[in-house]
Amino acid sequence: MQTIRLAAVSMNSPLDQQEETFRRIAEFCERAANDDTDLVLFPELIIHGHCTPNTWEIAEAIPEGPSTRRLVELAKQFGMFISAGMSEKENDIVFNTQVLVGPNGYIGRQRKLHTSRDESFFYKGGRDIEVFDIGKCKVASVICYDNQFPEIARIAALKGADVILMPHAAREGRWDDTPESEAAARRHVFDFFSGYRMRARENACFCVYADQAGVAGYVDSLPREHSNQPHHPGGAMIIDPGGTILKHTQLDKICDEMIVEQLDASDLARFRSHPNYTLRTRRPELFNELVRDQLTG
């Protein structure tokens, strides 16, 4: 790994406002470029929205679809790598996918493996855990609920990942119009996901979390106060390979924001040269139980 400068964006994706969302993505890319950023992480499903009722109709092919092409144009314009989430359609099957593009074009995609809550009504889970070499480092994307399965980040690390991107559209908490409720929701989601410090420490990887932020709208098929409404408390954080949070968004308001931090290659080397670096000391021959079907004797 070489030292890399990375931005994490927490922003809203209002339902049926894809053009406005792309305008905001472009604004954040320009801001990141002005800060000499190499890679920008946007949240899960930021392009098409989270469980949008017409997901099947608006989902696109990757990389041939228009949204991937627009992301490539932004990456070329600003000379950076961009990771962003969208609904992908292949052979009329829809996947929750994080796409990675760079100044030289499309790089690859990661499909979400485990669907959460009502996501199974819209998406099929993927099968592969991908790691991509972007020159200065190798990156993997572990999408939202997939981060609750530590095996996924571990496999990504075993396949060479230096940086694990954690794009989210997490509905972990609700809030009303009062500042106290808004701050409580934001602080709750930060406390809940700060557990990702262990994903970083146990794999000696940088981990970067970015959630959608705000009320994306209301789905008519659900009660307005239902926990599956696309309301996201938001936030972003960047964690070093030892599990220390290097930077995070503010904890009081739910709004669009971006954090930028330099990921120092010497930090990765320091933790991976430790005598207790777990990828070196682990004993995989003991872990057969992990792949045993729980429904068999």
C-alpha atoms as a PDB file:
ATOM      1  CA  MET A   1       0.000   0.000   0.000  1.00  0.00           C
ATOM      2  CA  GLN A   2       0.980   3.616  -0.641  1.00  0.00           C
ATOM      3  CA  THR A   3      -0.388   6.526   1.349  1.00  0.00           C
ATOM      4  CA  ILE A   4      -3.740   7.608  -0.080  1.00  0.00           C
ATOM      5  CA  ARG A   5      -6.127  10.496   0.600  1.00  0.00           C
ATOM      6  CA  LEU A   6      -9.729   9.381   0.947  1.00  0.00           C
ATOM      7  CA  ALA A   7     -13.107  11.105   1.340  1.00  0.00           C
ATOM      8  CA  ALA A   8     -16.297   9.625   2.790  1.00  0.00           C
ATOM      9  CA  VAL A   9     -19.591  11.314   1.900  1.00  0.00           C
ATOM     10  CA  SER A  10     -22.792  10.991   3.926  1.00  0.00           C
ATOM     11  CA  MET A  11     -25.713  12.352   1.899  1.00  0.00           C
ATOM     12  CA  ASN A  12     -29.398  11.933   1.175  1.00  0.00           C
ATOM     13  CA  SER A  13     -30.864  10.174  -1.866  1.00  0.00           C
ATOM     14  CA  PRO A  14     -34.443  11.466  -2.192  1.00  0.00           C
ATOM     15  CA  LEU A  15     -36.777   9.055  -3.943  1.00  0.00           C
ATOM     16  CA  ASP A  16     -37.288   9.779  -7.651  1.00  0.00           C
ATOM     17  CA  GLN A  17     -34.751  12.626  -7.695  1.00  0.00           C
ATOM     18  CA  GLN A  18     -31.841  10.952  -9.454  1.00  0.00           C
ATOM     19  CA  GLU A  19     -30.756  14.084 -11.324  1.00  0.00           C
ATOM     20  CA  GLU A  20     -30.546  16.098  -8.116  1.00  0.00           C
ATOM     21  CA  THR A  21     -28.600  13.267  -6.501  1.00  0.00           C
ATOM     22  CA  PHE A  22     -26.088  13.259  -9.357  1.00  0.00           C
ATOM     23  CA  ARG A  23     -25.732  17.031  -9.064  1.00  0.00           C
ATOM     24  CA  ARG A  24     -24.824  16.646  -5.387  1.00  0.00           C
ATOM     25  CA  ILE A  25     -22.433  13.786  -6.165  1.00  0.00           C
ATOM     26  CA  ALA A  26     -20.657  16.015  -8.691  1.00  0.00           C
ATOM     27  CA  GLU A  27     -20.419  18.822  -6.126  1.00  0.00           C
ATOM     28  CA  PHE A  28     -18.833  16.520  -3.571  1.00  0.00           C
ATOM     29  CA  CYS A  29     -16.408  15.157  -6.169  1.00  0.00           C
ATOM     30  CA  GLU A  30     -15.312  18.691  -7.022  1.00  0.00           C
ATOM     31  CA  ARG A  31     -14.827  19.534  -3.353  1.00  0.00           C
ATOM     32  CA  ALA A  32     -12.842  16.339  -2.838  1.00  0.00           C
ATOM     33  CA  ALA A  33     -10.686  17.048  -5.888  1.00  0.00           C
ATOM     34  CA  ASN A  34      -9.902  20.508  -4.529  1.00  0.00           C
ATOM     35  CA  ASP A  35      -8.646  18.740  -1.391  1.00  0.00           C
ATOM     36  CA  ASP A  36      -6.349  16.457  -3.445  1.00  0.00           C
ATOM     37  CA  THR A  37      -8.444  13.387  -2.711  1.00  0.00           C
ATOM     38  CA  ASP A  38      -7.625  10.097  -4.454  1.00  0.00           C
ATOM     39  CA  LEU A  39     -10.806   8.138  -3.668  1.00  0.00           C
ATOM     40  CA  VAL A  40     -14.347   9.181  -2.732  1.00  0.00           C
ATOM     41  CA  LEU A  41     -16.814   6.790  -1.091  1.00  0.00           C
ATOM     42  CA  PHE A  42     -20.557   7.432  -1.533  1.00  0.00           C
ATOM     43  CA  PRO A  43     -23.249   5.443   0.320  1.00  0.00           C
ATOM     44  CA  GLU A  44     -25.086   2.273  -0.620  1.00  0.00           C
ATOM     45  CA  LEU A  45     -27.789   2.729  -3.294  1.00  0.00           C
ATOM     46  CA  ILE A  46     -27.084   6.454  -3.474  1.00  0.00           C
ATOM     47  CA  ILE A  47     -27.915   6.619  -7.204  1.00  0.00           C
ATOM     48  CA  HIS A  48     -31.381   5.035  -7.234  1.00  0.00           C
ATOM     49  CA  GLY A  49     -32.447   5.267  -3.611  1.00  0.00           C
ATOM     50  CA  HIS A  50     -32.943   2.622  -0.948  1.00  0.00           C
ATOM     51  CA  CYS A  51     -35.737   0.111  -1.727  1.00  0.00           C
ATOM     52  CA  THR A  52     -37.436   2.555  -4.063  1.00  0.00           C
ATOM     53  CA  PRO A  53     -40.862   1.076  -4.979  1.00  0.00           C
ATOM     54  CA  ASN A  54     -40.003   1.100  -8.707  1.00  0.00           C
ATOM     55  CA  THR A  55     -36.544  -0.386  -8.192  1.00  0.00           C
ATOM     56  CA  TRP A  56     -36.972  -3.033 -10.913  1.00  0.00           C
ATOM     57  CA  GLU A  57     -37.892  -0.393 -13.506  1.00  0.00           C
ATOM     58  CA  ILE A  58     -35.027   2.017 -12.766  1.00  0.00           C
ATOM     59  CA  ALA A  59     -32.256  -0.535 -12.146  1.00  0.00           C
ATOM     60  CA  GLU A  60     -29.488  -0.435 -14.775  1.00  0.00           C
ATOM     61  CA  ALA A  61     -26.871  -2.628 -16.378  1.00  0.00           C
ATOM     62  CA  ILE A  62     -23.305  -2.279 -15.132  1.00  0.00           C
ATOM     63  CA  PRO A  63     -21.051  -1.055 -16.696  1.00  0.00           C
ATOM     64  CA  GLU A  64     -23.134  -0.287 -19.790  1.00  0.00           C
ATOM     65  CA  GLY A  65     -25.818   1.740 -18.009  1.00  0.00           C
ATOM     66  CA  PRO A  66     -26.000   5.544 -17.980  1.00  0.00           C
ATOM     67  CA  SER A  67     -25.210   5.970 -14.285  1.00  0.00           C
ATOM     68  CA  THR A  68     -21.934   4.067 -14.492  1.00  0.00           C
ATOM     69  CA  ARG A  69     -20.987   6.104 -17.557  1.00  0.00           C
ATOM     70  CA  ARG A  70     -21.727   9.337 -15.680  1.00  0.00           C
ATOM     71  CA  LEU A  71     -19.594   8.224 -12.742  1.00  0.00           C
ATOM     72  CA  VAL A  72     -16.753   7.409 -15.145  1.00  0.00           C
ATOM     73  CA  GLU A  73     -17.042  10.912 -16.611  1.00  0.00           C
ATOM     74  CA  LEU A  74     -16.774  12.434 -13.127  1.00  0.00           C
ATOM     75  CA  ALA A  75     -13.784  10.238 -12.286  1.00  0.00           C
ATOM     76  CA  LYS A  76     -12.019  11.333 -15.470  1.00  0.00           C
ATOM     77  CA  GLN A  77     -12.938  14.997 -14.961  1.00  0.00           C
ATOM     78  CA  PHE A  78     -11.592  15.137 -11.420  1.00  0.00           C
ATOM     79  CA  GLY A  79      -8.818  12.537 -11.720  1.00  0.00           C
ATOM     80  CA  MET A  80     -10.036  10.347  -8.874  1.00  0.00           C
ATOM     81  CA  PHE A  81     -11.568   7.008  -7.972  1.00  0.00           C
ATOM     82  CA  ILE A  82     -15.274   6.907  -7.062  1.00  0.00           C
ATOM     83  CA  SER A  83     -17.249   4.213  -5.258  1.00  0.00           C
ATOM     84  CA  ALA A  84     -21.043   4.604  -5.375  1.00  0.00           C
ATOM     85  CA  GLY A  85     -24.067   2.378  -4.835  1.00  0.00           C
ATOM     86  CA  MET A  86     -26.900   1.707  -7.277  1.00  0.00           C
ATOM     87  CA  SER A  87     -29.522  -0.852  -8.296  1.00  0.00           C
ATOM     88  CA  GLU A  88     -28.083  -3.159 -10.957  1.00  0.00           C
ATOM     89  CA  LYS A  89     -30.151  -5.257 -13.369  1.00  0.00           C
ATOM     90  CA  GLU A  90     -28.793  -8.317 -15.156  1.00  0.00           C
ATOM     91  CA  ASN A  91     -31.061 -10.755 -17.005  1.00  0.00           C
ATOM     92  CA  ASP A  92     -34.044  -9.069 -15.291  1.00  0.00           C
ATOM     93  CA  ILE A  93     -32.596  -9.849 -11.836  1.00  0.00           C
ATOM     94  CA  VAL A  94     -31.777  -6.853  -9.623  1.00  0.00           C
ATOM     95  CA  PHE A  95     -28.766  -6.587  -7.308  1.00  0.00           C
ATOM     96  CA  ASN A  96     -27.753  -4.035  -4.686  1.00  0.00           C
ATOM     97  CA  THR A  97     -24.357  -3.098  -6.118  1.00  0.00           C
ATOM     98  CA  GLN A  98     -21.449  -0.828  -5.282  1.00  0.00           C
ATOM     99  CA  VAL A  99     -19.564   0.230  -8.415  1.00  0.00           C
ATOM    100  CA  LEU A 100     -15.931   1.370  -8.534  1.00  0.00           C
ATOM    101  CA  VAL A 101     -14.633   3.623 -11.305  1.00  0.00           C
ATOM    102  CA  GLY A 102     -11.439   5.594 -11.857  1.00  0.00           C
ATOM    103  CA  PRO A 103      -9.755   8.083 -14.171  1.00  0.00           C
ATOM    104  CA  ASN A 104      -9.226   5.300 -16.715  1.00  0.00           C
ATOM    105  CA  GLY A 105     -12.811   4.039 -16.612  1.00  0.00           C
ATOM    106  CA  TYR A 106     -14.840   1.266 -15.028  1.00  0.00           C
ATOM    107  CA  ILE A 107     -12.966  -0.968 -12.569  1.00  0.00           C
ATOM    108  CA  GLY A 108     -15.485  -3.363 -11.050  1.00  0.00           C
ATOM    109  CA  ARG A 109     -18.497  -3.986  -8.837  1.00  0.00           C
ATOM    110  CA  GLN A 110     -19.433  -5.611  -5.565  1.00  0.00           C
ATOM    111  CA  ARG A 111     -22.935  -7.042  -5.151  1.00  0.00           C
ATOM    112  CA  LYS A 112     -24.409  -7.080  -1.661  1.00  0.00           C
ATOM    113  CA  LEU A 113     -24.396 -10.652  -0.372  1.00  0.00           C
ATOM    114  CA  HIS A 114     -26.995 -10.599   2.420  1.00  0.00           C
ATOM    115  CA  THR A 115     -30.273  -8.695   2.050  1.00  0.00           C
ATOM    116  CA  SER A 116     -31.643  -6.930   5.123  1.00  0.00           C
ATOM    117  CA  ARG A 117     -35.277  -6.516   6.203  1.00  0.00           C
ATOM    118  CA  ASP A 118     -37.441  -5.773   3.134  1.00  0.00           C
ATOM    119  CA  GLU A 119     -34.462  -5.675   0.729  1.00  0.00           C
ATOM    120  CA  SER A 120     -35.197  -9.277  -0.230  1.00  0.00           C
ATOM    121  CA  PHE A 121     -38.359  -8.001  -1.980  1.00  0.00           C
ATOM    122  CA  PHE A 122     -36.190  -5.957  -4.344  1.00  0.00           C
ATOM    123  CA  TYR A 123     -32.771  -7.603  -4.616  1.00  0.00           C
ATOM    124  CA  LYS A 124     -31.061 -10.952  -5.035  1.00  0.00           C
ATOM    125  CA  GLY A 125     -27.880 -11.484  -3.070  1.00  0.00           C
ATOM    126  CA  GLY A 126     -24.547 -11.705  -4.848  1.00  0.00           C
ATOM    127  CA  ARG A 127     -22.031 -14.535  -4.544  1.00  0.00           C
ATOM    128  CA  ASP A 128     -18.533 -13.043  -4.864  1.00  0.00           C
ATOM    129  CA  ILE A 129     -16.227 -11.043  -2.579  1.00  0.00           C
ATOM    130  CA  GLU A 130     -14.159  -8.768  -4.792  1.00  0.00           C
ATOM    131  CA  VAL A 131     -10.882  -6.914  -4.176  1.00  0.00           C
ATOM    132  CA  PHE A 132      -9.637  -4.305  -6.655  1.00  0.00           C
ATOM    133  CA  ASP A 133      -6.136  -2.898  -7.111  1.00  0.00           C
ATOM    134  CA  ILE A 134      -6.348   0.859  -7.737  1.00  0.00           C
ATOM    135  CA  GLY A 135      -2.601   1.429  -7.756  1.00  0.00           C
ATOM    136  CA  LYS A 136      -1.922   3.003  -4.376  1.00  0.00           C
ATOM    137  CA  CYS A 137      -3.860   0.316  -2.523  1.00  0.00           C
ATOM    138  CA  LYS A 138      -6.257  -2.588  -2.835  1.00  0.00           C
ATOM    139  CA  VAL A 139      -9.881  -1.939  -1.878  1.00  0.00           C
ATOM    140  CA  ALA A 140     -12.933  -4.058  -1.105  1.00  0.00           C
ATOM    141  CA  SER A 141     -16.546  -3.003  -0.581  1.00  0.00           C
ATOM    142  CA  VAL A 142     -18.582  -4.627   2.191  1.00  0.00           C
ATOM    143  CA  ILE A 143     -22.110  -3.268   1.864  1.00  0.00           C
ATOM    144  CA  CYS A 144     -24.176  -2.328   4.947  1.00  0.00           C
ATOM    145  CA  TYR A 145     -25.658  -5.499   6.529  1.00  0.00           C
ATOM    146  CA  ASP A 146     -22.796  -7.576   5.106  1.00  0.00           C
ATOM    147  CA  ASN A 147     -20.582  -5.903   7.712  1.00  0.00           C
ATOM    148  CA  GLN A 148     -22.451  -7.775  10.438  1.00  0.00           C
ATOM    149  CA  PHE A 149     -20.785 -10.960   9.114  1.00  0.00           C
ATOM    150  CA  PRO A 150     -17.099 -10.712  10.100  1.00  0.00           C
ATOM    151  CA  GLU A 151     -16.172 -13.488   7.673  1.00  0.00           C
ATOM    152  CA  ILE A 152     -16.676 -11.151   4.694  1.00  0.00           C
ATOM    153  CA  ALA A 153     -14.149  -8.550   5.795  1.00  0.00           C
ATOM    154  CA  ARG A 154     -11.777 -11.369   6.750  1.00  0.00           C
ATOM    155  CA  ILE A 155     -11.982 -12.910   3.276  1.00  0.00           C
ATOM    156  CA  ALA A 156     -11.434  -9.484   1.709  1.00  0.00           C
ATOM    157  CA  ALA A 157      -8.322  -9.032   3.832  1.00  0.00           C
ATOM    158  CA  LEU A 158      -7.086 -12.511   2.926  1.00  0.00           C
ATOM    159  CA  LYS A 159      -7.527 -11.571  -0.743  1.00  0.00           C
ATOM    160  CA  GLY A 160      -5.281  -8.564  -0.223  1.00  0.00           C
ATOM    161  CA  ALA A 161      -7.532  -5.642   0.737  1.00  0.00           C
ATOM    162  CA  ASP A 162      -5.786  -2.737   2.464  1.00  0.00           C
ATOM    163  CA  VAL A 163      -8.935  -0.583   2.669  1.00  0.00           C
ATOM    164  CA  ILE A 164     -12.456  -1.859   3.320  1.00  0.00           C
ATOM    165  CA  LEU A 165     -15.186   0.491   2.123  1.00  0.00           C
ATOM    166  CA  MET A 166     -18.420   0.228   4.122  1.00  0.00           C
ATOM    167  CA  PRO A 167     -21.226   1.979   2.214  1.00  0.00           C
ATOM    168  CA  HIS A 168     -24.550   2.014   4.087  1.00  0.00           C
ATOM    169  CA  ALA A 169     -28.205   2.945   3.765  1.00  0.00           C
ATOM    170  CA  ALA A 170     -28.851   2.117   7.403  1.00  0.00           C
ATOM    171  CA  ARG A 171     -32.266   2.756   8.942  1.00  0.00           C
ATOM    172  CA  GLU A 172     -30.928   2.373  12.468  1.00  0.00           C
ATOM    173  CA  GLY A 173     -33.124   4.794  14.389  1.00  0.00           C
ATOM    174  CA  ARG A 174     -35.872   7.374  13.795  1.00  0.00           C
ATOM    175  CA  TRP A 175     -36.168  11.021  14.763  1.00  0.00           C
ATOM    176  CA  ASP A 176     -38.671  13.854  14.748  1.00  0.00           C
ATOM    177  CA  ASP A 177     -38.288  17.581  14.053  1.00  0.00           C
ATOM    178  CA  THR A 178     -36.730  18.456  17.392  1.00  0.00           C
ATOM    179  CA  PRO A 179     -32.959  19.048  17.679  1.00  0.00           C
ATOM    180  CA  GLU A 180     -32.851  16.689  20.665  1.00  0.00           C
ATOM    181  CA  SER A 181     -34.398  13.811  18.705  1.00  0.00           C
ATOM    182  CA  GLU A 182     -32.161  14.449  15.703  1.00  0.00           C
ATOM    183  CA  ALA A 183     -29.016  14.442  17.851  1.00  0.00           C
ATOM    184  CA  ALA A 184     -30.142  11.301  19.676  1.00  0.00           C
ATOM    185  CA  ALA A 185     -30.644   9.437  16.393  1.00  0.00           C
ATOM    186  CA  ARG A 186     -27.281  10.549  15.047  1.00  0.00           C
ATOM    187  CA  ARG A 187     -25.446   9.608  18.246  1.00  0.00           C
ATOM    188  CA  HIS A 188     -27.206   6.244  18.391  1.00  0.00           C
ATOM    189  CA  VAL A 189     -26.175   5.303  14.861  1.00  0.00           C
ATOM    190  CA  PHE A 190     -22.606   6.417  15.563  1.00  0.00           C
ATOM    191  CA  ASP A 191     -22.451   4.268  18.704  1.00  0.00           C
ATOM    192  CA  PHE A 192     -24.002   1.312  16.871  1.00  0.00           C
ATOM    193  CA  PHE A 193     -21.582   1.363  13.946  1.00  0.00           C
ATOM    194  CA  SER A 194     -18.460   2.320  15.866  1.00  0.00           C
ATOM    195  CA  GLY A 195     -18.304  -1.446  16.466  1.00  0.00           C
ATOM    196  CA  TYR A 196     -16.706  -1.563  13.026  1.00  0.00           C
ATOM    197  CA  ARG A 197     -13.506  -0.640  14.833  1.00  0.00           C
ATOM    198  CA  MET A 198     -13.163  -4.387  15.379  1.00  0.00           C
ATOM    199  CA  ARG A 199     -13.436  -5.109  11.638  1.00  0.00           C
ATOM    200  CA  ALA A 200     -10.421  -2.830  11.191  1.00  0.00           C
ATOM    201  CA  ARG A 201      -8.435  -4.211  14.123  1.00  0.00           C
ATOM    202  CA  GLU A 202      -9.040  -7.910  13.502  1.00  0.00           C
ATOM    203  CA  ASN A 203      -7.927  -7.589   9.860  1.00  0.00           C
ATOM    204  CA  ALA A 204      -5.399  -4.738  10.169  1.00  0.00           C
ATOM    205  CA  CYS A 205      -7.225  -2.817   7.433  1.00  0.00           C
ATOM    206  CA  PHE A 206      -8.397   0.756   7.118  1.00  0.00           C
ATOM    207  CA  CYS A 207     -12.209   0.810   7.278  1.00  0.00           C
ATOM    208  CA  VAL A 208     -14.343   3.629   5.879  1.00  0.00           C
ATOM    209  CA  TYR A 209     -18.049   3.947   6.739  1.00  0.00           C
ATOM    210  CA  ALA A 210     -20.504   6.234   4.908  1.00  0.00           C
ATOM    211  CA  ASP A 211     -24.290   6.203   5.383  1.00  0.00           C
ATOM    212  CA  GLN A 212     -27.145   7.844   3.537  1.00  0.00           C
ATOM    213  CA  ALA A 213     -28.372  10.847   5.537  1.00  0.00           C
ATOM    214  CA  GLY A 214     -31.886  12.162   5.916  1.00  0.00           C
ATOM    215  CA  VAL A 215     -35.510  11.480   5.045  1.00  0.00           C
ATOM    216  CA  ALA A 216     -35.506  10.171   1.475  1.00  0.00           C
ATOM    217  CA  GLY A 217     -39.301  10.212   1.337  1.00  0.00           C
ATOM    218  CA  TYR A 218     -42.188   7.944   2.289  1.00  0.00           C
ATOM    219  CA  VAL A 219     -43.229   4.621   0.772  1.00  0.00           C
ATOM    220  CA  ASP A 220     -47.011   4.451   0.417  1.00  0.00           C
ATOM    221  CA  SER A 221     -47.176   0.709   1.090  1.00  0.00           C
ATOM    222  CA  LEU A 222     -45.820   1.210   4.627  1.00  0.00           C
ATOM    223  CA  PRO A 223     -47.188   3.137   7.624  1.00  0.00           C
ATOM    224  CA  ARG A 224     -45.442   6.509   7.844  1.00  0.00           C
ATOM    225  CA  GLU A 225     -43.781   5.583  11.133  1.00  0.00           C
ATOM    226  CA  HIS A 226     -42.668   2.128   9.976  1.00  0.00           C
ATOM    227  CA  SER A 227     -38.999   1.335  10.613  1.00  0.00           C
ATOM    228  CA  ASN A 228     -38.542   0.310   6.962  1.00  0.00           C
ATOM    229  CA  GLN A 229     -39.307   3.789   5.636  1.00  0.00           C
ATOM    230  CA  PRO A 230     -36.153   5.142   3.881  1.00  0.00           C
ATOM    231  CA  HIS A 231     -35.042   7.395   6.736  1.00  0.00           C
ATOM    232  CA  HIS A 232     -31.306   7.265   7.426  1.00  0.00           C
ATOM    233  CA  PRO A 233     -29.550   8.896  10.402  1.00  0.00           C
ATOM    234  CA  GLY A 234     -26.377   9.218   8.345  1.00  0.00           C
ATOM    235  CA  GLY A 235     -22.765   9.789   9.309  1.00  0.00           C
ATOM    236  CA  ALA A 236     -19.300   8.764   8.179  1.00  0.00           C
ATOM    237  CA  MET A 237     -16.127   7.619   9.895  1.00  0.00           C
ATOM    238  CA  ILE A 238     -12.616   6.571   8.948  1.00  0.00           C
ATOM    239  CA  ILE A 239     -10.869   3.935  11.089  1.00  0.00           C
ATOM    240  CA  ASP A 240      -7.200   2.984  11.139  1.00  0.00           C
ATOM    241  CA  PRO A 241      -5.889  -0.626  11.125  1.00  0.00           C
ATOM    242  CA  GLY A 242      -5.621  -0.594  14.912  1.00  0.00           C
ATOM    243  CA  GLY A 243      -9.282   0.273  15.397  1.00  0.00           C
ATOM    244  CA  THR A 244      -8.868   3.971  16.187  1.00  0.00           C
ATOM    245  CA  ILE A 245     -11.416   6.337  14.636  1.00  0.00           C
ATOM    246  CA  LEU A 246      -9.288   8.889  12.791  1.00  0.00           C
ATOM    247  CA  LYS A 247     -12.159  11.166  11.785  1.00  0.00           C
ATOM    248  CA  HIS A 248     -15.942  11.226  11.883  1.00  0.00           C
ATOM    249  CA  THR A 249     -18.806  13.506  10.966  1.00  0.00           C
ATOM    250  CA  GLN A 250     -20.502  15.685  13.591  1.00  0.00           C
ATOM    251  CA  LEU A 251     -22.944  14.080  16.019  1.00  0.00           C
ATOM    252  CA  ASP A 252     -25.778  16.606  16.286  1.00  0.00           C
ATOM    253  CA  LYS A 253     -27.397  17.137  12.880  1.00  0.00           C
ATOM    254  CA  ILE A 254     -28.541  14.820  10.079  1.00  0.00           C
ATOM    255  CA  CYS A 255     -27.340  16.480   6.891  1.00  0.00           C
ATOM    256  CA  ASP A 256     -25.137  16.058   3.830  1.00  0.00           C
ATOM    257  CA  GLU A 257     -21.450  16.227   4.748  1.00  0.00           C
ATOM    258  CA  MET A 258     -18.009  14.927   3.812  1.00  0.00           C
ATOM    259  CA  ILE A 259     -14.887  14.022   5.745  1.00  0.00           C
ATOM    260  CA  VAL A 260     -11.394  13.669   4.261  1.00  0.00           C
ATOM    261  CA  GLU A 261      -8.423  11.878   5.790  1.00  0.00           C
ATOM    262  CA  GLN A 262      -5.004  10.645   4.717  1.00  0.00           C
ATOM    263  CA  LEU A 263      -4.532   6.892   5.101  1.00  0.00           C
ATOM    264  CA  ASP A 264      -0.871   6.481   5.964  1.00  0.00           C
ATOM    265  CA  ALA A 265       0.832   3.400   4.527  1.00  0.00           C
ATOM    266  CA  SER A 266       3.183   3.296   7.535  1.00  0.00           C
ATOM    267  CA  ASP A 267       0.182   2.679   9.830  1.00  0.00           C
ATOM    268  CA  LEU A 268      -0.811  -0.381   7.827  1.00  0.00           C
ATOM    269  CA  ALA A 269       2.786  -1.673   7.885  1.00  0.00           C
ATOM    270  CA  ARG A 270       3.047  -1.112  11.640  1.00  0.00           C
ATOM    271  CA  PHE A 271      -0.030  -3.146  12.508  1.00  0.00           C
ATOM    272  CA  ARG A 272       0.673  -5.899   9.991  1.00  0.00           C
ATOM    273  CA  SER A 273       4.227  -6.357  11.272  1.00  0.00           C
ATOM    274  CA  HIS A 274       2.966  -6.895  14.843  1.00  0.00           C
ATOM    275  CA  PRO A 275       3.675 -10.397  16.233  1.00  0.00           C
ATOM    276  CA  ASN A 276      -0.065 -10.887  16.791  1.00  0.00           C
ATOM    277  CA  TYR A 277      -1.190  -9.954  13.284  1.00  0.00           C
ATOM    278  CA  THR A 278      -4.162 -12.313  13.062  1.00  0.00           C
ATOM    279  CA  LEU A 279      -3.957 -13.093   9.357  1.00  0.00           C
ATOM    280  CA  ARG A 280      -0.566 -14.630  10.052  1.00  0.00           C
ATOM    281  CA  THR A 281      -1.334 -16.422  13.342  1.00  0.00           C
ATOM    282  CA  ARG A 282      -4.837 -17.737  12.633  1.00  0.00           C
ATOM    283  CA  ARG A 283      -5.401 -21.508  12.159  1.00  0.00           C
ATOM    284  CA  PRO A 284      -7.996 -22.028   9.401  1.00  0.00           C
ATOM    285  CA  GLU A 285      -7.927 -25.816   9.819  1.00  0.00           C
ATOM    286  CA  LEU A 286      -9.945 -25.271  13.023  1.00  0.00           C
ATOM    287  CA  PHE A 287     -12.762 -23.353  11.337  1.00  0.00           C
ATOM    288  CA  ASN A 288     -14.688 -26.071   9.497  1.00  0.00           C
ATOM    289  CA  GLU A 289     -17.725 -25.357  11.667  1.00  0.00           C
ATOM    290  CA  LEU A 290     -18.123 -22.013   9.893  1.00  0.00           C
ATOM    291  CA  VAL A 291     -19.141 -23.719   6.644  1.00  0.00           C
ATOM    292  CA  ARG A 292     -21.259 -26.490   8.146  1.00  0.00           C
ATOM    293  CA  ASP A 293     -24.977 -26.278   7.298  1.00  0.00           C
ATOM    294  CA  GLN A 294     -26.776 -25.544  10.564  1.00  0.00           C
ATOM    295  CA  LEU A 295     -29.768 -27.622   9.465  1.00  0.00           C
ATOM    296  CA  THR A 296     -27.786 -30.856   9.276  1.00  0.00           C
ATOM    297  CA  GLY A 297     -26.712 -33.001  12.175  1.00  0.00           C
END
